Amino acid sequence: MSTGLEVIAVGARTPVGLVAEPAAAAVRAAICQIAEYPFVAADGEPMMVASDARLSTRLEGVERLLPLANSALEEVAYKLAAAPRPYRGHVDLWLSLPDARPGLSESEVIGAAQTLVAGLRAAGTQQLRAEIVGRGHAGIACAIERALQESARGVDVLTVVLGVDSYLHPDTLVWLERNRLCGPDSRSGFAPGEAAGCLVLASTGLRKTLGLPCLAVVGGVATAREHRLPGSETGSFGEGMTQAVLGALAGLRLPAEAVDMTFSDINGERYRSEEWGFVALRAPEAFRSPNYVAPADCWGDVGAASGALLSVLAVRSWARNYAAGPRALVITGSTGGLRGAILLQQPQDRQVGGAMT
């Protein structure tokens, strides 16, 4: 199965690696960068977070988003510049950014996007169309859905999907601690993190025109809404995530073409772990194994960057030949209930007329 879009470049800026390749290698090696941060928690001890070692602790919240985002964009720009035939056409930039929260207002999120786009245009990317199309952990799935919609309309342009997030603002950390999502009193919380992830998508024809290799094929993507949010009387039954997963896998012949690897933004919260258990029970035919890769114990919870960074891990698993198989599923869940699933396939894993080639 193929949607007609391929991944032709990836970028990452994370606490465990400043570009995609070492970041993915660090996750595979289980390197953890969750450490003390100069913010005092309720018990009087420094908060444990995953922070970018190159950014000053004096930068807070929105001030940290731009250097992270620009780093990932510069990485993919460098990789695209190595193409035998340079791209001179229009570029679509679809952004996944954090939801507004204490320490990060809606106006600051929008302002960060505007500054980012203005900087790209000033640097020479004039034929640029940009928009915030996704929010929170599942925002990248929304961005890829938008790319597929544009492709279905016959718009054949280079598409850059970028996700960036940072929880490192005093007001945000206090909010997380008060809501028992992190800190010493949390029974099932997470380590706040920060990162940026970037995927460059192109049609097969455009990719061949540029002379670049295919890193992965976008096999499908779907989003859904989970209505049983944390704090509900019943907890999650995995209904929204199951809908997103089966939507992304709609073109596969299950169980023969079940997913070989699952990459998840599960971060230590009990709610999300229970959700995954129900998904595995509701759709057992979709997975070869209920096991999953959840790198939040290495780079922390990376919010709106999750979908892109998990996709980078899938791409690198094929590039380095340690993947469990040709199909990978990226699953993400936003705090507000949005659920996203992205099916990626190894480049040679194509279907023509229902047959594998």
Protein backbone atom coordinates (compact mmCIF):
# COMPACT_ATOMS: atom_id res chain seq x y z
CA MET A 1 0.00 0.00 0.00
CA SER A 2 1.23 3.52 -0.82
CA THR A 3 -0.37 6.93 -0.58
CA GLY A 4 1.94 8.26 -3.26
CA LEU A 5 4.07 10.18 -0.76
CA GLU A 6 7.57 9.24 0.32
CA VAL A 7 9.90 10.44 3.05
CA ILE A 8 13.03 11.85 1.40
CA ALA A 9 14.76 13.60 4.32
CA VAL A 10 14.52 13.68 8.12
CA GLY A 11 15.76 16.06 10.78
CA ALA A 12 15.80 16.01 14.56
CA ARG A 13 16.96 18.11 17.49
CA THR A 14 16.61 16.22 20.77
CA PRO A 15 18.22 16.00 24.21
CA VAL A 16 19.98 12.79 23.11
CA GLY A 17 21.18 13.96 19.69
CA LEU A 18 21.44 17.21 17.76
CA VAL A 19 20.62 15.63 14.37
CA ALA A 20 18.54 12.66 13.30
CA GLU A 21 21.12 9.92 12.93
CA PRO A 22 22.84 10.15 16.36
CA ALA A 23 19.51 10.82 18.06
CA ALA A 24 18.08 7.56 16.71
CA ALA A 25 21.29 5.70 17.60
CA ALA A 26 21.11 7.06 21.16
CA VAL A 27 17.53 5.83 21.57
CA ARG A 28 18.51 2.40 20.27
CA ALA A 29 21.34 2.36 22.81
CA ALA A 30 18.86 3.42 25.56
CA ILE A 31 20.88 6.53 26.39
CA CYS A 32 18.94 8.67 28.83
CA GLN A 33 19.31 12.43 29.19
CA ILE A 34 16.72 12.92 31.92
CA ALA A 35 18.56 14.83 34.61
CA GLU A 36 18.25 17.57 37.22
CA TYR A 37 17.15 20.96 35.93
CA PRO A 38 17.50 24.28 37.81
CA PHE A 39 13.86 24.34 38.85
CA VAL A 40 12.91 23.36 42.39
CA ALA A 41 10.06 20.86 42.73
CA ALA A 42 7.57 20.71 45.58
CA ASP A 43 9.87 18.49 47.64
CA GLY A 44 12.66 21.04 47.44
CA GLU A 45 14.69 18.99 44.95
CA PRO A 46 15.56 19.96 41.36
CA MET A 47 13.00 18.87 38.76
CA MET A 48 14.00 15.93 36.56
CA VAL A 49 13.64 16.86 32.88
CA ALA A 50 15.18 16.10 29.49
CA SER A 51 16.65 19.36 28.23
CA ASP A 52 18.68 20.44 25.23
CA ALA A 53 22.28 20.79 26.38
CA ARG A 54 23.03 23.55 23.87
CA LEU A 55 20.25 25.89 25.06
CA SER A 56 20.76 28.19 28.00
CA THR A 57 18.55 27.56 31.02
CA ARG A 58 17.80 31.29 30.88
CA LEU A 59 15.65 30.68 27.80
CA GLU A 60 12.08 29.82 28.71
CA GLY A 61 9.05 28.43 26.90
CA VAL A 62 8.51 29.97 23.49
CA GLU A 63 12.10 31.26 23.40
CA ARG A 64 13.26 27.65 23.19
CA LEU A 65 10.97 26.68 20.31
CA LEU A 66 12.65 28.69 17.57
CA PRO A 67 16.24 27.42 17.99
CA LEU A 68 14.97 23.85 18.18
CA ALA A 69 12.80 24.24 15.07
CA ASN A 70 15.46 26.07 13.07
CA SER A 71 18.02 23.38 13.87
CA ALA A 72 15.79 20.62 12.45
CA LEU A 73 14.96 22.72 9.38
CA GLU A 74 18.63 23.51 8.73
CA GLU A 75 19.42 19.80 8.90
CA VAL A 76 16.91 18.83 6.21
CA ALA A 77 17.89 21.84 4.09
CA TYR A 78 21.50 20.63 4.16
CA LYS A 79 20.43 17.12 3.14
CA LEU A 80 18.22 18.40 0.31
CA ALA A 81 21.07 20.60 -0.93
CA ALA A 82 23.01 17.41 -1.66
CA ALA A 83 20.41 16.35 -4.24
CA PRO A 84 21.86 15.92 -7.75
CA ARG A 85 19.17 18.25 -9.07
CA PRO A 86 18.18 21.09 -6.70
CA TYR A 87 14.56 21.89 -6.03
CA ARG A 88 13.41 25.36 -7.14
CA GLY A 89 9.66 25.09 -6.71
CA HIS A 90 7.05 25.82 -4.08
CA VAL A 91 7.35 24.45 -0.54
CA ASP A 92 4.50 23.61 1.83
CA LEU A 93 5.39 23.86 5.53
CA TRP A 94 2.83 22.21 7.80
CA LEU A 95 3.49 22.84 11.48
CA SER A 96 2.65 20.85 14.60
CA LEU A 97 2.91 23.13 17.65
CA PRO A 98 2.00 22.89 21.34
CA ASP A 99 -1.45 23.59 22.68
CA ALA A 100 -1.68 26.77 24.74
CA ARG A 101 -0.94 26.17 28.42
CA PRO A 102 0.52 27.99 31.43
CA GLY A 103 3.86 29.39 30.33
CA LEU A 104 2.91 29.28 26.65
CA SER A 105 -0.02 31.40 25.52
CA GLU A 106 -1.89 31.08 22.24
CA SER A 107 -0.48 34.39 21.04
CA GLU A 108 3.05 33.18 21.76
CA VAL A 109 2.49 29.96 19.79
CA ILE A 110 1.17 31.91 16.80
CA GLY A 111 3.95 34.47 17.13
CA ALA A 112 6.59 31.73 17.13
CA ALA A 113 5.14 30.29 13.91
CA GLN A 114 5.12 33.71 12.27
CA THR A 115 8.72 34.39 13.29
CA LEU A 116 9.80 31.00 12.00
CA VAL A 117 8.16 31.54 8.62
CA ALA A 118 9.50 35.10 8.33
CA GLY A 119 13.00 33.81 8.98
CA LEU A 120 12.70 31.17 6.26
CA ARG A 121 11.47 33.72 3.73
CA ALA A 122 14.26 36.13 4.67
CA ALA A 123 16.76 33.31 4.11
CA GLY A 124 15.54 32.84 0.55
CA THR A 125 12.58 30.44 0.74
CA GLN A 126 10.18 32.79 -0.98
CA GLN A 127 7.80 30.28 -2.56
CA LEU A 128 6.60 29.12 0.84
CA ARG A 129 3.10 28.31 2.04
CA ALA A 130 2.97 27.69 5.79
CA GLU A 131 0.24 26.90 8.29
CA ILE A 132 -0.25 25.49 11.78
CA VAL A 133 -2.25 22.35 11.01
CA GLY A 134 -1.73 20.26 14.14
CA ARG A 135 -1.46 20.71 17.89
CA GLY A 136 -0.02 18.52 20.59
CA HIS A 137 1.31 14.98 20.41
CA ALA A 138 -0.92 13.91 17.50
CA GLY A 139 -0.30 17.10 15.52
CA ILE A 140 2.13 15.50 13.06
CA ALA A 141 -0.56 13.01 12.00
CA CYS A 142 -2.77 16.02 11.15
CA ALA A 143 0.09 17.55 9.16
CA ILE A 144 0.61 14.38 7.12
CA GLU A 145 -3.14 14.15 6.54
CA ARG A 146 -2.96 17.68 5.12
CA ALA A 147 -0.06 16.67 2.87
CA LEU A 148 -2.09 13.74 1.54
CA GLN A 149 -5.08 15.99 0.89
CA GLU A 150 -2.94 18.39 -1.13
CA SER A 151 -1.38 15.51 -3.04
CA ALA A 152 -4.84 14.11 -3.87
CA ARG A 153 -5.72 17.52 -5.34
CA GLY A 154 -2.80 17.17 -7.73
CA VAL A 155 -0.49 19.59 -5.89
CA ASP A 156 2.99 18.16 -6.46
CA VAL A 157 5.30 20.18 -4.22
CA LEU A 158 7.93 19.52 -1.62
CA THR A 159 6.20 19.25 1.76
CA VAL A 160 7.99 19.88 5.03
CA VAL A 161 6.27 18.59 8.17
CA LEU A 162 7.73 20.07 11.35
CA GLY A 163 6.86 19.47 15.00
CA VAL A 164 8.44 21.33 17.92
CA ASP A 165 7.72 21.56 21.64
CA SER A 166 9.29 22.47 24.98
CA TYR A 167 7.85 22.16 28.46
CA LEU A 168 10.72 24.08 30.02
CA HIS A 169 9.09 27.16 31.46
CA PRO A 170 8.59 27.68 35.23
CA ASP A 171 4.83 28.20 34.85
CA THR A 172 4.52 25.06 32.72
CA LEU A 173 6.48 22.95 35.19
CA VAL A 174 4.37 24.22 38.11
CA TRP A 175 1.22 23.41 36.13
CA LEU A 176 2.46 19.89 35.37
CA GLU A 177 3.35 19.32 39.00
CA ARG A 178 -0.01 20.60 40.28
CA ASN A 179 -1.78 18.28 37.89
CA ARG A 180 0.38 15.39 39.13
CA LEU A 181 1.76 14.79 35.64
CA CYS A 182 5.35 15.10 36.81
CA GLY A 183 7.29 15.72 39.98
CA PRO A 184 7.89 13.83 43.23
CA ASP A 185 4.21 13.25 44.06
CA SER A 186 3.29 11.80 40.69
CA ARG A 187 2.46 8.08 40.70
CA SER A 188 2.47 7.70 36.93
CA GLY A 189 3.89 10.88 35.47
CA PHE A 190 6.45 11.77 32.87
CA ALA A 191 9.71 13.64 32.46
CA PRO A 192 9.10 16.94 30.61
CA GLY A 193 11.24 17.23 27.48
CA GLU A 194 11.83 19.40 24.45
CA ALA A 195 12.68 18.64 20.85
CA ALA A 196 11.98 19.26 17.19
CA GLY A 197 11.41 16.73 14.44
CA CYS A 198 11.11 17.23 10.69
CA LEU A 199 10.04 15.07 7.75
CA VAL A 200 10.33 16.06 4.10
CA LEU A 201 7.69 14.42 1.89
CA ALA A 202 7.52 14.22 -1.88
CA SER A 203 5.75 12.25 -4.56
CA THR A 204 7.66 9.41 -6.18
CA GLY A 205 7.98 11.44 -9.37
CA LEU A 206 9.33 14.52 -7.63
CA ARG A 207 11.74 12.44 -5.58
CA LYS A 208 13.12 10.81 -8.73
CA THR A 209 13.42 14.21 -10.40
CA LEU A 210 15.57 15.40 -7.51
CA GLY A 211 17.64 12.22 -7.65
CA LEU A 212 17.17 11.41 -3.96
CA PRO A 213 16.60 7.97 -2.41
CA CYS A 214 13.33 7.00 -0.78
CA LEU A 215 13.73 6.63 3.00
CA ALA A 216 10.19 5.39 3.67
CA VAL A 217 6.79 5.19 2.02
CA VAL A 218 3.79 6.78 3.73
CA GLY A 219 1.35 3.88 3.74
CA GLY A 220 -1.52 5.60 5.51
CA VAL A 221 -2.47 8.07 8.19
CA ALA A 222 -5.59 8.66 10.26
CA THR A 223 -6.75 10.72 13.21
CA ALA A 224 -9.65 10.19 15.60
CA ARG A 225 -11.04 11.64 18.79
CA GLU A 226 -10.92 9.96 22.20
CA HIS A 227 -13.78 11.14 24.41
CA ARG A 228 -12.81 9.28 27.59
CA LEU A 229 -10.06 11.63 28.75
CA PRO A 230 -7.85 11.35 31.84
CA GLY A 231 -9.99 11.88 34.91
CA SER A 232 -13.07 10.24 33.41
CA GLU A 233 -14.88 7.75 35.63
CA THR A 234 -14.14 4.79 33.37
CA GLY A 235 -10.67 5.68 32.10
CA SER A 236 -9.74 4.99 28.51
CA PHE A 237 -11.08 2.00 26.59
CA GLY A 238 -8.81 2.80 23.64
CA GLU A 239 -11.70 3.59 21.31
CA GLY A 240 -10.22 6.70 19.68
CA MET A 241 -6.75 5.23 19.21
CA THR A 242 -8.17 1.98 17.82
CA GLN A 243 -10.14 3.98 15.26
CA ALA A 244 -7.02 5.90 14.23
CA VAL A 245 -4.93 2.72 13.99
CA LEU A 246 -7.43 0.84 11.85
CA GLY A 247 -7.88 3.93 9.67
CA ALA A 248 -4.15 4.15 8.99
CA LEU A 249 -3.98 0.42 8.23
CA ALA A 250 -7.10 0.35 6.05
CA GLY A 251 -5.14 -0.55 2.91
CA LEU A 252 -3.39 -3.56 4.43
CA ARG A 253 -4.53 -7.17 4.32
CA LEU A 254 -4.71 -8.04 7.98
CA PRO A 255 -3.45 -10.15 9.64
CA ALA A 256 -1.11 -11.21 6.81
CA GLU A 257 0.31 -7.68 6.56
CA ALA A 258 0.27 -6.83 10.24
CA VAL A 259 2.50 -4.10 11.66
CA ASP A 260 6.00 -5.29 12.51
CA MET A 261 7.04 -2.39 14.77
CA THR A 262 5.10 0.12 16.84
CA PHE A 263 6.57 3.44 17.93
CA SER A 264 4.58 5.21 20.64
CA ASP A 265 4.64 8.44 22.63
CA ILE A 266 3.62 6.56 25.79
CA ASN A 267 5.41 8.49 28.51
CA GLY A 268 4.79 6.76 31.83
CA GLU A 269 1.25 7.96 32.45
CA ARG A 270 -0.96 5.08 33.53
CA TYR A 271 -3.83 6.34 31.39
CA ARG A 272 -1.80 6.02 28.17
CA SER A 273 -0.47 2.57 29.05
CA GLU A 274 -4.00 1.32 29.74
CA GLU A 275 -5.15 2.85 26.47
CA TRP A 276 -2.54 0.88 24.56
CA GLY A 277 -3.62 -2.33 26.29
CA PHE A 278 -7.18 -1.84 25.07
CA VAL A 279 -5.98 -1.05 21.54
CA ALA A 280 -4.02 -4.31 21.46
CA LEU A 281 -7.10 -6.17 22.66
CA ARG A 282 -9.48 -4.46 20.23
CA ALA A 283 -7.32 -4.95 17.14
CA PRO A 284 -4.97 -7.89 17.74
CA GLU A 285 -4.87 -8.67 14.03
CA ALA A 286 -3.11 -5.35 13.38
CA PHE A 287 0.09 -6.18 15.27
CA ARG A 288 2.64 -8.94 15.04
CA SER A 289 3.52 -8.21 18.66
CA PRO A 290 2.10 -6.01 21.42
CA ASN A 291 5.61 -4.72 22.12
CA TYR A 292 6.40 -1.11 21.30
CA VAL A 293 9.25 1.40 21.33
CA ALA A 294 8.60 4.37 23.63
CA PRO A 295 11.62 6.70 23.77
CA ALA A 296 10.16 9.04 26.40
CA ASP A 297 12.49 7.36 28.91
CA CYS A 298 15.41 8.67 26.83
CA TRP A 299 14.41 12.16 25.62
CA GLY A 300 11.39 12.83 27.84
CA ASP A 301 7.92 13.72 26.67
CA VAL A 302 8.46 15.77 23.50
CA GLY A 303 4.85 16.83 22.92
CA ALA A 304 4.09 18.16 19.44
CA ALA A 305 7.39 16.83 18.07
CA SER A 306 6.45 13.22 18.94
CA GLY A 307 5.05 12.04 15.60
CA ALA A 308 7.97 13.33 13.54
CA LEU A 309 10.63 11.99 15.91
CA LEU A 310 9.02 8.55 16.18
CA SER A 311 8.92 8.48 12.36
CA VAL A 312 12.65 9.28 12.32
CA LEU A 313 13.23 6.20 14.49
CA ALA A 314 11.35 4.03 11.99
CA VAL A 315 13.30 5.47 9.04
CA ARG A 316 16.63 4.90 10.76
CA SER A 317 15.71 1.33 11.73
CA TRP A 318 15.48 0.47 8.04
CA ALA A 319 18.58 2.46 7.10
CA ARG A 320 20.64 0.60 9.72
CA ASN A 321 19.03 -2.81 9.09
CA TYR A 322 17.78 -3.49 12.61
CA ALA A 323 14.07 -3.16 11.87
CA ALA A 324 11.78 -6.05 12.82
CA GLY A 325 10.06 -5.89 9.43
CA PRO A 326 8.86 -3.69 6.57
CA ARG A 327 5.90 -2.01 8.30
CA ALA A 328 6.05 0.48 11.17
CA LEU A 329 3.22 2.23 12.94
CA VAL A 330 3.62 5.54 14.78
CA ILE A 331 0.90 6.21 17.34
CA THR A 332 0.43 9.46 19.28
CA GLY A 333 -2.16 10.91 21.63
CA SER A 334 -2.74 14.57 22.46
CA THR A 335 -3.89 15.66 25.91
CA GLY A 336 -7.14 17.04 24.50
CA GLY A 337 -8.18 13.69 23.02
CA LEU A 338 -6.82 13.78 19.46
CA ARG A 339 -5.30 10.47 18.44
CA GLY A 340 -3.04 9.90 15.44
CA ALA A 341 -1.63 6.87 13.63
CA ILE A 342 0.91 6.93 10.80
CA LEU A 343 1.84 3.85 8.77
CA LEU A 344 5.34 3.91 7.30
CA GLN A 345 6.75 1.22 5.05
CA GLN A 346 10.25 0.21 4.05
CA PRO A 347 11.07 1.61 0.59
CA GLN A 348 11.05 -1.74 -1.21
CA ASP A 349 7.81 -2.75 0.51
CA ARG A 350 5.44 -1.73 -2.29
CA GLN A 351 2.13 -3.18 -3.36
CA VAL A 352 1.16 -3.34 -7.00
CA GLY A 353 -2.29 -4.70 -7.71
CA GLY A 354 -2.46 -6.17 -4.23
CA ALA A 355 0.85 -8.06 -4.60
CA MET A 356 4.03 -7.34 -2.71
CA THR A 357 7.05 -6.33 -4.76
